[in-house]
C-alpha atoms as a PDB file:
ATOM      1  CA  MET A   1      34.684  20.856   3.661  1.00  0.00           C
ATOM      2  CA  LYS A   2      33.736  23.750   1.375  1.00  0.00           C
ATOM      3  CA  THR A   3      30.456  25.578   1.867  1.00  0.00           C
ATOM      4  CA  VAL A   4      28.034  26.329  -0.987  1.00  0.00           C
ATOM      5  CA  ALA A   5      25.281  28.908  -1.438  1.00  0.00           C
ATOM      6  CA  ILE A   6      22.775  28.994  -4.290  1.00  0.00           C
ATOM      7  CA  GLY A   7      21.030  32.071  -5.649  1.00  0.00           C
ATOM      8  CA  GLY A   8      17.695  30.909  -7.100  1.00  0.00           C
ATOM      9  CA  LEU A   9      15.563  27.833  -6.451  1.00  0.00           C
ATOM     10  CA  GLY A  10      14.048  27.274  -9.886  1.00  0.00           C
ATOM     11  CA  ALA A  11      14.628  24.539 -12.447  1.00  0.00           C
ATOM     12  CA  ILE A  12      18.390  24.578 -11.826  1.00  0.00           C
ATOM     13  CA  GLY A  13      18.805  25.754  -8.256  1.00  0.00           C
ATOM     14  CA  LEU A  14      16.300  23.461  -6.545  1.00  0.00           C
ATOM     15  CA  LYS A  15      17.624  20.319  -8.258  1.00  0.00           C
ATOM     16  CA  LEU A  16      21.158  21.330  -7.358  1.00  0.00           C
ATOM     17  CA  ALA A  17      20.169  22.012  -3.748  1.00  0.00           C
ATOM     18  CA  ARG A  18      18.490  18.612  -3.420  1.00  0.00           C
ATOM     19  CA  ALA A  19      21.533  16.888  -4.875  1.00  0.00           C
ATOM     20  CA  LEU A  20      23.889  18.650  -2.458  1.00  0.00           C
ATOM     21  CA  ASP A  21      21.632  17.697   0.457  1.00  0.00           C
ATOM     22  CA  ALA A  22      21.790  14.011  -0.469  1.00  0.00           C
ATOM     23  CA  PRO A  23      24.315  11.633   1.109  1.00  0.00           C
ATOM     24  CA  ALA A  24      27.461  11.072  -0.937  1.00  0.00           C
ATOM     25  CA  ASP A  25      26.472   7.470  -1.674  1.00  0.00           C
ATOM     26  CA  GLN A  26      23.147   8.689  -3.092  1.00  0.00           C
ATOM     27  CA  GLY A  27      24.455  11.285  -5.545  1.00  0.00           C
ATOM     28  CA  GLY A  28      25.616  13.952  -3.133  1.00  0.00           C
ATOM     29  CA  VAL A  29      29.097  15.460  -3.166  1.00  0.00           C
ATOM     30  CA  GLU A  30      31.561  14.607  -0.427  1.00  0.00           C
ATOM     31  CA  GLY A  31      33.414  17.732   0.634  1.00  0.00           C
ATOM     32  CA  LEU A  32      30.591  20.180  -0.064  1.00  0.00           C
ATOM     33  CA  ARG A  33      27.934  21.474   2.330  1.00  0.00           C
ATOM     34  CA  LEU A  34      24.998  23.628   1.258  1.00  0.00           C
ATOM     35  CA  ILE A  35      24.586  26.369   3.871  1.00  0.00           C
ATOM     36  CA  ALA A  36      22.415  29.030   2.215  1.00  0.00           C
ATOM     37  CA  VAL A  37      19.961  29.675  -0.595  1.00  0.00           C
ATOM     38  CA  SER A  38      18.070  32.683  -1.840  1.00  0.00           C
ATOM     39  CA  ALA A  39      14.761  32.825  -3.684  1.00  0.00           C
ATOM     40  CA  ARG A  40      12.210  35.393  -4.789  1.00  0.00           C
ATOM     41  CA  ASP A  41       9.212  33.466  -3.438  1.00  0.00           C
ATOM     42  CA  GLN A  42      10.109  32.973   0.220  1.00  0.00           C
ATOM     43  CA  ASP A  43       7.083  30.856   1.137  1.00  0.00           C
ATOM     44  CA  LYS A  44       7.577  28.487  -1.797  1.00  0.00           C
ATOM     45  CA  ALA A  45      11.274  28.220  -1.033  1.00  0.00           C
ATOM     46  CA  ALA A  46      10.602  27.416   2.617  1.00  0.00           C
ATOM     47  CA  ALA A  47       8.177  24.673   1.576  1.00  0.00           C
ATOM     48  CA  ASN A  48      10.725  23.200  -0.871  1.00  0.00           C
ATOM     49  CA  LEU A  49      13.405  23.142   1.814  1.00  0.00           C
ATOM     50  CA  ALA A  50      11.190  21.608   4.499  1.00  0.00           C
ATOM     51  CA  GLY A  51      12.271  18.029   3.840  1.00  0.00           C
ATOM     52  CA  PHE A  52      16.014  18.649   3.635  1.00  0.00           C
ATOM     53  CA  ARG A  53      18.316  16.608   5.890  1.00  0.00           C
ATOM     54  CA  ASP A  54      20.531  19.636   6.548  1.00  0.00           C
ATOM     55  CA  ARG A  55      18.299  22.597   5.836  1.00  0.00           C
ATOM     56  CA  PRO A  56      20.179  25.621   4.458  1.00  0.00           C
ATOM     57  CA  ALA A  57      19.419  29.155   5.593  1.00  0.00           C
ATOM     58  CA  LEU A  58      17.123  31.266   3.412  1.00  0.00           C
ATOM     59  CA  VAL A  59      19.020  34.538   3.025  1.00  0.00           C
ATOM     60  CA  PRO A  60      19.094  37.765   0.954  1.00  0.00           C
ATOM     61  CA  LEU A  61      21.150  37.626  -2.248  1.00  0.00           C
ATOM     62  CA  ALA A  62      24.080  39.590  -0.845  1.00  0.00           C
ATOM     63  CA  ASP A  63      24.478  37.166   2.070  1.00  0.00           C
ATOM     64  CA  LEU A  64      25.180  34.266  -0.273  1.00  0.00           C
ATOM     65  CA  ALA A  65      28.756  35.551  -0.391  1.00  0.00           C
ATOM     66  CA  LYS A  66      29.389  34.120   3.080  1.00  0.00           C
ATOM     67  CA  ALA A  67      29.859  30.683   1.462  1.00  0.00           C
ATOM     68  CA  ASP A  68      33.083  29.502  -0.163  1.00  0.00           C
ATOM     69  CA  ILE A  69      31.294  28.755  -3.447  1.00  0.00           C
ATOM     70  CA  VAL A  70      28.405  30.859  -4.733  1.00  0.00           C
ATOM     71  CA  VAL A  71      26.223  29.451  -7.510  1.00  0.00           C
ATOM     72  CA  GLU A  72      24.032  31.806  -9.546  1.00  0.00           C
ATOM     73  CA  ALA A  73      20.882  30.045 -10.770  1.00  0.00           C
ATOM     74  CA  ALA A  74      18.505  32.998 -10.892  1.00  0.00           C
ATOM     75  CA  PRO A  75      16.953  35.246 -13.558  1.00  0.00           C
ATOM     76  CA  ALA A  76      19.609  37.260 -15.382  1.00  0.00           C
ATOM     77  CA  SER A  77      18.031  40.463 -14.038  1.00  0.00           C
ATOM     78  CA  VAL A  78      19.541  39.804 -10.581  1.00  0.00           C
ATOM     79  CA  PHE A  79      22.872  38.490 -11.833  1.00  0.00           C
ATOM     80  CA  GLU A  80      24.949  41.349 -10.433  1.00  0.00           C
ATOM     81  CA  HIS A  81      23.224  41.172  -7.036  1.00  0.00           C
ATOM     82  CA  ILE A  82      24.721  37.689  -6.672  1.00  0.00           C
ATOM     83  CA  ALA A  83      27.970  38.075  -8.588  1.00  0.00           C
ATOM     84  CA  VAL A  84      29.289  41.369  -7.219  1.00  0.00           C
ATOM     85  CA  PRO A  85      29.272  40.465  -3.483  1.00  0.00           C
ATOM     86  CA  ALA A  86      30.662  36.988  -4.184  1.00  0.00           C
ATOM     87  CA  ILE A  87      33.533  38.318  -6.265  1.00  0.00           C
ATOM     88  CA  ALA A  88      34.272  41.166  -3.851  1.00  0.00           C
ATOM     89  CA  ALA A  89      34.530  38.595  -1.045  1.00  0.00           C
ATOM     90  CA  GLY A  90      37.022  36.496  -3.033  1.00  0.00           C
ATOM     91  CA  ARG A  91      34.709  33.517  -3.460  1.00  0.00           C
ATOM     92  CA  ILE A  92      34.411  30.922  -6.209  1.00  0.00           C
ATOM     93  CA  PHE A  93      31.542  32.194  -8.352  1.00  0.00           C
ATOM     94  CA  VAL A  94      29.725  29.694 -10.585  1.00  0.00           C
ATOM     95  CA  PRO A  95      27.286  31.405 -12.981  1.00  0.00           C
ATOM     96  CA  SER A  96      24.431  29.588 -14.703  1.00  0.00           C
ATOM     97  CA  SER A  97      23.388  32.746 -16.586  1.00  0.00           C
ATOM     98  CA  VAL A  98      26.642  32.831 -18.554  1.00  0.00           C
ATOM     99  CA  GLY A  99      25.078  35.159 -21.111  1.00  0.00           C
ATOM    100  CA  ALA A 100      24.822  37.789 -18.391  1.00  0.00           C
ATOM    101  CA  LEU A 101      28.575  37.555 -17.842  1.00  0.00           C
ATOM    102  CA  LEU A 102      29.547  38.487 -21.421  1.00  0.00           C
ATOM    103  CA  PRO A 103      28.701  42.216 -21.141  1.00  0.00           C
ATOM    104  CA  ARG A 104      30.115  42.292 -17.591  1.00  0.00           C
ATOM    105  CA  MET A 105      33.691  41.162 -18.073  1.00  0.00           C
ATOM    106  CA  HIS A 106      34.713  43.847 -15.571  1.00  0.00           C
ATOM    107  CA  LEU A 107      33.615  41.290 -12.978  1.00  0.00           C
ATOM    108  CA  VAL A 108      36.428  39.002 -14.133  1.00  0.00           C
ATOM    109  CA  ARG A 109      38.882  41.862 -13.750  1.00  0.00           C
ATOM    110  CA  GLY A 110      37.481  42.425 -10.264  1.00  0.00           C
ATOM    111  CA  ALA A 111      38.065  38.762  -9.471  1.00  0.00           C
ATOM    112  CA  ARG A 112      41.753  39.164 -10.266  1.00  0.00           C
ATOM    113  CA  GLU A 113      41.960  41.921  -7.666  1.00  0.00           C
ATOM    114  CA  SER A 114      39.970  40.157  -4.940  1.00  0.00           C
ATOM    115  CA  GLY A 115      41.361  36.658  -5.477  1.00  0.00           C
ATOM    116  CA  ALA A 116      37.972  35.289  -6.530  1.00  0.00           C
ATOM    117  CA  ARG A 117      37.485  32.733  -9.293  1.00  0.00           C
ATOM    118  CA  VAL A 118      34.779  32.679 -11.927  1.00  0.00           C
ATOM    119  CA  VAL A 119      34.135  29.060 -12.952  1.00  0.00           C
ATOM    120  CA  VAL A 120      31.757  28.634 -15.903  1.00  0.00           C
ATOM    121  CA  PRO A 121      30.070  25.215 -16.045  1.00  0.00           C
ATOM    122  CA  THR A 122      29.638  23.407 -19.347  1.00  0.00           C
ATOM    123  CA  GLY A 123      25.872  23.763 -19.086  1.00  0.00           C
ATOM    124  CA  ALA A 124      23.830  22.407 -21.973  1.00  0.00           C
ATOM    125  CA  LEU A 125      26.855  22.230 -24.276  1.00  0.00           C
ATOM    126  CA  LEU A 126      29.186  19.319 -24.925  1.00  0.00           C
ATOM    127  CA  GLY A 127      32.721  19.503 -26.244  1.00  0.00           C
ATOM    128  CA  LEU A 128      33.964  22.621 -24.462  1.00  0.00           C
ATOM    129  CA  ASP A 129      37.210  20.782 -23.679  1.00  0.00           C
ATOM    130  CA  ALA A 130      37.834  20.360 -27.405  1.00  0.00           C
ATOM    131  CA  VAL A 131      36.984  24.002 -28.101  1.00  0.00           C
ATOM    132  CA  ARG A 132      39.305  25.200 -25.337  1.00  0.00           C
ATOM    133  CA  ALA A 133      42.099  23.001 -26.626  1.00  0.00           C
ATOM    134  CA  ALA A 134      41.655  24.233 -30.208  1.00  0.00           C
ATOM    135  CA  ALA A 135      41.662  27.844 -28.976  1.00  0.00           C
ATOM    136  CA  GLU A 136      45.193  27.379 -27.629  1.00  0.00           C
ATOM    137  CA  GLY A 137      46.162  27.411 -31.316  1.00  0.00           C
ATOM    138  CA  VAL A 138      44.721  29.149 -34.388  1.00  0.00           C
ATOM    139  CA  VAL A 139      40.936  29.005 -34.848  1.00  0.00           C
ATOM    140  CA  GLU A 140      39.417  30.183 -38.104  1.00  0.00           C
ATOM    141  CA  SER A 141      35.758  30.099 -37.137  1.00  0.00           C
ATOM    142  CA  ILE A 142      33.219  28.829 -34.610  1.00  0.00           C
ATOM    143  CA  THR A 143      29.512  28.786 -35.380  1.00  0.00           C
ATOM    144  CA  MET A 144      26.527  27.552 -33.413  1.00  0.00           C
ATOM    145  CA  GLU A 145      23.024  26.774 -34.587  1.00  0.00           C
ATOM    146  CA  THR A 146      20.341  26.479 -31.917  1.00  0.00           C
ATOM    147  CA  ARG A 147      16.902  25.009 -32.589  1.00  0.00           C
ATOM    148  CA  LYS A 148      14.227  25.143 -29.926  1.00  0.00           C
ATOM    149  CA  PRO A 149      10.483  24.540 -29.705  1.00  0.00           C
ATOM    150  CA  PRO A 150       8.822  27.966 -30.114  1.00  0.00           C
ATOM    151  CA  ALA A 151       7.577  27.965 -26.505  1.00  0.00           C
ATOM    152  CA  GLY A 152      11.180  27.734 -25.341  1.00  0.00           C
ATOM    153  CA  LEU A 153      11.964  31.077 -27.017  1.00  0.00           C
ATOM    154  CA  ALA A 154       8.765  32.972 -26.238  1.00  0.00           C
ATOM    155  CA  GLY A 155       9.272  36.272 -24.420  1.00  0.00           C
ATOM    156  CA  ALA A 156      12.919  36.791 -25.377  1.00  0.00           C
ATOM    157  CA  PRO A 157      13.753  40.539 -25.519  1.00  0.00           C
ATOM    158  CA  TYR A 158      14.925  40.325 -29.141  1.00  0.00           C
ATOM    159  CA  LEU A 159      11.626  38.773 -30.224  1.00  0.00           C
ATOM    160  CA  VAL A 160       9.608  41.310 -28.273  1.00  0.00           C
ATOM    161  CA  LYS A 161      11.583  44.208 -29.753  1.00  0.00           C
ATOM    162  CA  HIS A 162      11.119  42.941 -33.313  1.00  0.00           C
ATOM    163  CA  ARG A 163       7.512  41.863 -32.706  1.00  0.00           C
ATOM    164  CA  ILE A 164       8.147  38.244 -33.619  1.00  0.00           C
ATOM    165  CA  ASP A 165       5.404  35.949 -32.336  1.00  0.00           C
ATOM    166  CA  VAL A 166       7.158  32.593 -32.204  1.00  0.00           C
ATOM    167  CA  LEU A 167       4.027  30.842 -30.934  1.00  0.00           C
ATOM    168  CA  ALA A 168       2.412  31.568 -34.298  1.00  0.00           C
ATOM    169  CA  ILE A 169       5.266  29.922 -36.238  1.00  0.00           C
ATOM    170  CA  SER A 170       4.250  26.707 -38.002  1.00  0.00           C
ATOM    171  CA  THR A 171       7.456  25.901 -39.936  1.00  0.00           C
ATOM    172  CA  PRO A 172      11.150  26.051 -38.914  1.00  0.00           C
ATOM    173  CA  THR A 173      12.084  29.740 -38.893  1.00  0.00           C
ATOM    174  CA  ARG A 174      15.406  31.456 -38.263  1.00  0.00           C
ATOM    175  CA  VAL A 175      14.624  34.263 -35.816  1.00  0.00           C
ATOM    176  CA  PHE A 176      18.185  35.495 -35.178  1.00  0.00           C
ATOM    177  CA  GLU A 177      21.588  35.563 -36.857  1.00  0.00           C
ATOM    178  CA  GLY A 178      24.564  37.430 -35.428  1.00  0.00           C
ATOM    179  CA  ASN A 179      27.400  37.222 -32.936  1.00  0.00           C
ATOM    180  CA  ALA A 180      27.303  35.617 -29.503  1.00  0.00           C
ATOM    181  CA  LEU A 181      27.291  38.938 -27.655  1.00  0.00           C
ATOM    182  CA  ASP A 182      24.126  40.102 -29.412  1.00  0.00           C
ATOM    183  CA  ALA A 183      22.568  36.650 -29.036  1.00  0.00           C
ATOM    184  CA  ALA A 184      23.159  36.706 -25.281  1.00  0.00           C
ATOM    185  CA  ALA A 185      21.624  40.172 -24.985  1.00  0.00           C
ATOM    186  CA  GLY A 186      18.591  39.303 -27.083  1.00  0.00           C
ATOM    187  CA  PHE A 187      17.968  35.840 -25.629  1.00  0.00           C
ATOM    188  CA  PRO A 188      19.286  35.965 -22.036  1.00  0.00           C
ATOM    189  CA  ALA A 189      17.343  32.876 -20.920  1.00  0.00           C
ATOM    190  CA  ASN A 190      18.069  30.814 -24.014  1.00  0.00           C
ATOM    191  CA  VAL A 191      21.645  30.969 -25.235  1.00  0.00           C
ATOM    192  CA  ASN A 192      23.907  30.599 -22.228  1.00  0.00           C
ATOM    193  CA  VAL A 193      25.454  27.853 -24.342  1.00  0.00           C
ATOM    194  CA  ALA A 194      26.550  30.456 -26.896  1.00  0.00           C
ATOM    195  CA  ALA A 195      28.134  32.545 -24.162  1.00  0.00           C
ATOM    196  CA  ALA A 196      30.035  29.556 -22.745  1.00  0.00           C
ATOM    197  CA  LEU A 197      31.163  28.635 -26.263  1.00  0.00           C
ATOM    198  CA  ALA A 198      32.408  32.166 -26.885  1.00  0.00           C
ATOM    199  CA  LEU A 199      34.341  32.286 -23.614  1.00  0.00           C
ATOM    200  CA  ALA A 200      35.920  28.889 -24.283  1.00  0.00           C
ATOM    201  CA  GLY A 201      36.860  29.739 -27.863  1.00  0.00           C
ATOM    202  CA  ILE A 202      37.438  32.890 -29.880  1.00  0.00           C
ATOM    203  CA  GLY A 203      35.337  35.436 -28.029  1.00  0.00           C
ATOM    204  CA  PRO A 204      31.770  36.730 -28.348  1.00  0.00           C
ATOM    205  CA  LEU A 205      32.296  38.957 -31.377  1.00  0.00           C
ATOM    206  CA  ARG A 206      33.823  36.267 -33.609  1.00  0.00           C
ATOM    207  CA  THR A 207      31.494  33.452 -32.497  1.00  0.00           C
ATOM    208  CA  ARG A 208      28.541  33.304 -34.902  1.00  0.00           C
ATOM    209  CA  VAL A 209      25.079  32.218 -33.760  1.00  0.00           C
ATOM    210  CA  GLU A 210      21.843  31.252 -35.487  1.00  0.00           C
ATOM    211  CA  ILE A 211      18.648  30.725 -33.495  1.00  0.00           C
ATOM    212  CA  TRP A 212      15.711  28.828 -34.978  1.00  0.00           C
ATOM    213  CA  ALA A 213      12.175  28.437 -33.709  1.00  0.00           C
ATOM    214  CA  ASP A 214      11.235  24.953 -34.844  1.00  0.00           C
ATOM    215  CA  PRO A 215       7.789  23.509 -34.052  1.00  0.00           C
ATOM    216  CA  GLY A 216       9.004  20.141 -35.331  1.00  0.00           C
ATOM    217  CA  VAL A 217      11.414  19.522 -32.450  1.00  0.00           C
ATOM    218  CA  ASP A 218      10.737  18.668 -28.835  1.00  0.00           C
ATOM    219  CA  ARG A 219      14.301  19.175 -27.612  1.00  0.00           C
ATOM    220  CA  ASN A 220      16.774  22.048 -27.447  1.00  0.00           C
ATOM    221  CA  ILE A 221      19.237  21.196 -30.227  1.00  0.00           C
ATOM    222  CA  HIS A 222      22.668  22.819 -30.477  1.00  0.00           C
ATOM    223  CA  THR A 223      25.053  22.195 -33.384  1.00  0.00           C
ATOM    224  CA  ILE A 224      28.563  23.650 -33.142  1.00  0.00           C
ATOM    225  CA  ARG A 225      31.064  23.711 -35.989  1.00  0.00           C
ATOM    226  CA  VAL A 226      34.725  24.515 -35.386  1.00  0.00           C
ATOM    227  CA  GLU A 227      37.371  25.165 -38.022  1.00  0.00           C
ATOM    228  CA  ALA A 228      40.814  25.278 -36.424  1.00  0.00           C
ATOM    229  CA  GLU A 229      44.446  24.673 -37.327  1.00  0.00           C
ATOM    230  CA  ALA A 230      44.595  21.652 -35.019  1.00  0.00           C
ATOM    231  CA  ALA A 231      41.229  20.087 -35.866  1.00  0.00           C
ATOM    232  CA  ARG A 232      37.913  20.411 -37.616  1.00  0.00           C
ATOM    233  CA  PHE A 233      34.912  19.106 -35.684  1.00  0.00           C
ATOM    234  CA  THR A 234      31.136  19.275 -35.409  1.00  0.00           C
ATOM    235  CA  LEU A 235      29.305  18.840 -32.116  1.00  0.00           C
ATOM    236  CA  ARG A 236      25.572  18.214 -31.748  1.00  0.00           C
ATOM    237  CA  ILE A 237      23.552  17.794 -28.595  1.00  0.00           C
ATOM    238  CA  GLU A 238      19.803  17.394 -28.113  1.00  0.00           C
ATOM    239  CA  ASN A 239      18.787  18.461 -24.617  1.00  0.00           C
ATOM    240  CA  VAL A 240      15.457  17.558 -23.060  1.00  0.00           C
ATOM    241  CA  PRO A 241      13.740  20.742 -21.779  1.00  0.00           C
ATOM    242  CA  SER A 242      13.103  20.742 -18.044  1.00  0.00           C
ATOM    243  CA  ASP A 243       9.539  20.280 -16.861  1.00  0.00           C
ATOM    244  CA  GLU A 244       9.711  23.429 -14.748  1.00  0.00           C
ATOM    245  CA  ASN A 245      11.137  25.726 -17.425  1.00  0.00           C
ATOM    246  CA  PRO A 246      11.244  24.829 -21.151  1.00  0.00           C
ATOM    247  CA  LYS A 247      13.958  27.461 -21.688  1.00  0.00           C
ATOM    248  CA  THR A 248      16.352  25.312 -19.620  1.00  0.00           C
ATOM    249  CA  GLY A 249      17.534  21.804 -20.428  1.00  0.00           C
ATOM    250  CA  LYS A 250      17.457  19.047 -17.815  1.00  0.00           C
ATOM    251  CA  ILE A 251      21.198  18.550 -18.266  1.00  0.00           C
ATOM    252  CA  THR A 252      22.008  22.092 -17.087  1.00  0.00           C
ATOM    253  CA  ALA A 253      21.515  21.410 -13.376  1.00  0.00           C
ATOM    254  CA  LEU A 254      23.491  18.179 -13.731  1.00  0.00           C
ATOM    255  CA  SER A 255      26.301  20.123 -15.394  1.00  0.00           C
ATOM    256  CA  VAL A 256      26.514  22.582 -12.495  1.00  0.00           C
ATOM    257  CA  LEU A 257      26.590  19.644 -10.071  1.00  0.00           C
ATOM    258  CA  ALA A 258      29.419  18.057 -12.075  1.00  0.00           C
ATOM    259  CA  CYS A 259      31.250  21.389 -12.024  1.00  0.00           C
ATOM    260  CA  LEU A 260      30.984  21.602  -8.226  1.00  0.00           C
ATOM    261  CA  ARG A 261      32.090  17.997  -7.859  1.00  0.00           C
ATOM    262  CA  GLY A 262      35.181  18.812  -9.924  1.00  0.00           C
ATOM    263  CA  LEU A 263      36.116  21.576  -7.494  1.00  0.00           C
ATOM    264  CA  VAL A 264      36.619  19.112  -4.632  1.00  0.00           C
ATOM    265  CA  SER A 265      37.309  15.768  -6.339  1.00  0.00           C
ATOM    266  CA  THR A 266      40.637  14.010  -5.961  1.00  0.00           C
ATOM    267  CA  LEU A 267      40.318  12.829  -9.586  1.00  0.00           C
ATOM    268  CA  LYS A 268      39.091  15.356 -12.147  1.00  0.00           C
ATOM    269  CA  VAL A 269      38.529  14.191 -15.719  1.00  0.00           C
ATOM    270  CA  GLY A 270      38.731  16.793 -18.489  1.00  0.00           C
ATOM    271  CA  SER A 271      40.457  20.133 -18.685  1.00  0.00           C
END
């Protein structure tokens, strides 16, 4: 039995916590036990945990590292407060805010020293297995185009800095074009998919990203194009925004759950 702790009880963390609390025959994961969570709003968190079968402890961020597996599902601003103790303790660290990992690759180097593992879930992106396989050979280019309803982009640091009011946009508008590193910095709550793509493929500087505010869509749409020596392929996924947070797709929490299941499953499908 491996123990799990979750940092954050928002759109991702709470759904994940409920799934881990469920019996194995009702969607839970045999071999995993949720022992601790952390949340900014303590009263709300306590209320959300009240009906749990095996109620986890509500602890400070640093204490999450007492579990075997530490999942980060919090705002990117507290990323290091969860990641650093977990990695120093040699735990398995599963980040949801993958964009926050890109400028902090020293954490991966720290994991090598402590014996920790950093396991990035697929998140809202399909086809990472194919990208990883292609990257074992020669890859010419990887590009990603993201289209989101304007409300799903509102408040991003890049938009604030450049005074772009996406809520006033009435036609599809490209609001960013650049590499994955800059995209992750400018849109930390929006393009974790770009960060995961960059880590799986040819790195954040060579991975090109376009971000569109599109009032004509009601889903978060990601289109990835890969030109490689072994294959040429295009991937497209339309994710339904979560009810709690339109910046996050409903599939993201499910992806983290699938990632955790893969850590303890006898049969694991996919690389």
